[in-house]
Amino acid sequence: MSDSSSQKKIALLQQLQKETFVMIRSSLIHGIGVFALVDIPKGQRNLFSNDASEWISITKTEMEQLPQHSKELIENHCLYDNEVYYVPEYGFKLIDPVIFINHSDIPNVVSINDGENFEAIASIKAGEELFLDYGSIVAS
């Protein structure tokens, strides 16, 4: 095994041991949600992967030209403001649990930088669903 592969394996094992907090599964709120695998203390960050991809702006006019199934994915799982939708550059070919966090007016996680990283603002017990106030992610 090369040094690079060995370092990647060590990092993966570390992540699996100490930094794997959530999974997606069936939710009564909106079909699919994000749930805690372990107790998550208030203030915990690094809940999700450190995805380096960008969120690409798609105008509402561009959205209208997409097939209905793509529009539904974007409308249900992506952020938007008055002018554009923000879609991950990989589209929907990879699964990022972040897009499955359901809305609540009483959230237990909050975005700390426009939807790229999140922090638990309350203690979350293993098995509980994570919630986010959609209105506080991106200022319009």
Protein backbone atom coordinates (compact mmCIF):
# COMPACT_ATOMS: atom_id res chain seq x y z
CA MET A 1 0.00 0.00 0.00
CA SER A 2 1.43 3.42 -0.96
CA ASP A 3 1.94 6.15 1.64
CA SER A 4 -0.94 8.12 0.12
CA SER A 5 -3.30 5.12 0.27
CA SER A 6 -2.19 4.37 3.80
CA GLN A 7 -2.87 7.96 4.90
CA LYS A 8 -6.31 7.88 3.25
CA LYS A 9 -7.10 4.62 5.05
CA ILE A 10 -6.02 6.05 8.41
CA ALA A 11 -8.17 9.15 7.81
CA LEU A 12 -11.15 7.00 6.83
CA LEU A 13 -10.82 4.80 9.91
CA GLN A 14 -10.56 7.91 12.10
CA GLN A 15 -13.70 9.33 10.51
CA LEU A 16 -15.62 6.06 10.94
CA GLN A 17 -14.49 5.80 14.56
CA LYS A 18 -15.05 9.36 15.77
CA GLU A 19 -16.79 11.48 13.15
CA THR A 20 -19.73 9.49 11.76
CA PHE A 21 -22.82 11.12 13.22
CA VAL A 22 -25.79 10.81 10.85
CA MET A 23 -27.58 8.78 8.21
CA ILE A 24 -30.59 9.28 5.97
CA ARG A 25 -33.71 7.19 6.46
CA SER A 26 -37.48 7.31 6.22
CA SER A 27 -39.07 10.33 7.92
CA LEU A 28 -42.66 11.07 8.83
CA ILE A 29 -42.00 14.75 8.06
CA HIS A 30 -41.17 14.64 4.36
CA GLY A 31 -40.43 11.08 3.27
CA ILE A 32 -36.68 11.14 3.93
CA GLY A 33 -34.77 12.83 6.73
CA VAL A 34 -31.41 12.92 8.49
CA PHE A 35 -31.14 11.08 11.80
CA ALA A 36 -28.49 10.93 14.51
CA LEU A 37 -26.62 7.63 14.76
CA VAL A 38 -25.10 8.61 18.12
CA ASP A 39 -25.79 11.26 20.72
CA ILE A 40 -24.68 14.59 19.26
CA PRO A 41 -23.75 17.24 21.82
CA LYS A 42 -24.81 20.87 21.48
CA GLY A 43 -22.04 22.74 19.65
CA GLN A 44 -20.88 19.74 17.61
CA ARG A 45 -19.67 20.68 14.16
CA ASN A 46 -18.30 18.44 11.41
CA LEU A 47 -21.63 16.60 11.20
CA PHE A 48 -21.32 16.04 7.47
CA SER A 49 -18.54 15.43 4.95
CA ASN A 50 -16.17 18.20 3.98
CA ASP A 51 -17.48 18.38 0.45
CA ALA A 52 -15.38 20.74 -1.66
CA SER A 53 -17.85 20.96 -4.55
CA GLU A 54 -19.66 24.18 -5.38
CA TRP A 55 -23.33 25.09 -5.36
CA ILE A 56 -24.23 26.37 -8.83
CA SER A 57 -26.88 29.03 -9.37
CA ILE A 58 -29.69 28.02 -11.73
CA THR A 59 -32.17 30.70 -12.69
CA LYS A 60 -35.89 30.11 -12.57
CA THR A 61 -35.95 30.43 -16.37
CA GLU A 62 -33.32 27.67 -16.65
CA MET A 63 -35.35 25.57 -14.20
CA GLU A 64 -38.43 25.78 -16.43
CA GLN A 65 -36.48 24.12 -19.25
CA LEU A 66 -35.64 21.03 -17.16
CA PRO A 67 -37.65 17.81 -17.11
CA GLN A 68 -40.28 17.61 -14.37
CA HIS A 69 -38.37 14.99 -12.35
CA SER A 70 -35.28 17.23 -12.20
CA LYS A 71 -37.38 20.25 -11.22
CA GLU A 72 -38.94 18.28 -8.37
CA LEU A 73 -35.55 17.18 -7.06
CA ILE A 74 -34.27 20.76 -7.10
CA GLU A 75 -37.44 22.25 -5.59
CA ASN A 76 -37.52 19.67 -2.78
CA HIS A 77 -33.82 19.45 -1.93
CA CYS A 78 -32.03 22.65 -2.87
CA LEU A 79 -31.80 26.13 -1.46
CA TYR A 80 -33.21 29.10 -3.34
CA ASP A 81 -33.77 32.81 -3.08
CA ASN A 82 -35.90 35.22 -5.10
CA GLU A 83 -33.84 34.74 -8.26
CA VAL A 84 -32.02 31.39 -8.32
CA TYR A 85 -31.87 27.84 -7.02
CA TYR A 86 -28.55 26.59 -5.61
CA VAL A 87 -27.79 23.10 -6.91
CA PRO A 88 -24.72 21.02 -6.01
CA GLU A 89 -22.36 20.74 -8.97
CA TYR A 90 -22.63 16.93 -8.89
CA GLY A 91 -26.42 17.20 -9.29
CA PHE A 92 -28.15 14.18 -7.78
CA LYS A 93 -25.67 11.48 -8.74
CA LEU A 94 -24.07 11.49 -5.29
CA ILE A 95 -25.99 11.45 -2.06
CA ASP A 96 -25.20 14.22 0.39
CA PRO A 97 -27.26 13.86 3.58
CA VAL A 98 -27.38 17.67 3.88
CA ILE A 99 -30.03 17.91 1.16
CA PHE A 100 -32.33 15.67 3.21
CA ILE A 101 -32.43 17.78 6.40
CA ASN A 102 -36.08 18.64 6.93
CA HIS A 103 -37.41 22.04 7.97
CA SER A 104 -38.65 22.99 11.40
CA ASP A 105 -39.44 26.33 13.00
CA ILE A 106 -37.65 24.85 16.04
CA PRO A 107 -34.38 23.57 14.50
CA ASN A 108 -31.70 21.56 16.28
CA VAL A 109 -28.96 22.37 13.74
CA VAL A 110 -28.00 25.64 12.13
CA SER A 111 -25.89 26.58 9.12
CA ILE A 112 -22.68 28.30 10.08
CA ASN A 113 -21.81 29.43 6.55
CA ASP A 114 -24.71 29.52 4.09
CA GLY A 115 -25.37 25.79 4.06
CA GLU A 116 -21.82 24.46 3.75
CA ASN A 117 -21.24 23.49 7.40
CA PHE A 118 -23.61 22.93 10.27
CA GLU A 119 -23.60 23.02 14.05
CA ALA A 120 -25.88 21.34 16.56
CA ILE A 121 -27.65 24.08 18.53
CA ALA A 122 -29.21 21.57 20.90
CA SER A 123 -28.22 18.14 22.14
CA ILE A 124 -29.56 15.51 19.75
CA LYS A 125 -30.13 11.95 20.96
CA ALA A 126 -29.29 8.92 18.84
CA GLY A 127 -32.32 8.16 16.67
CA GLU A 128 -33.65 11.75 16.64
CA GLU A 129 -34.16 13.59 13.38
CA LEU A 130 -32.09 16.67 12.60
CA PHE A 131 -34.03 19.80 11.66
CA LEU A 132 -33.04 23.09 10.09
CA ASP A 133 -34.91 26.38 9.71
CA TYR A 134 -34.81 26.80 5.93
CA GLY A 135 -35.49 30.51 6.23
CA SER A 136 -32.18 31.13 7.99
CA ILE A 137 -29.77 29.42 5.56
CA VAL A 138 -29.35 31.93 2.74
CA ALA A 139 -30.24 35.58 2.98
CA SER A 140 -32.29 36.71 0.00
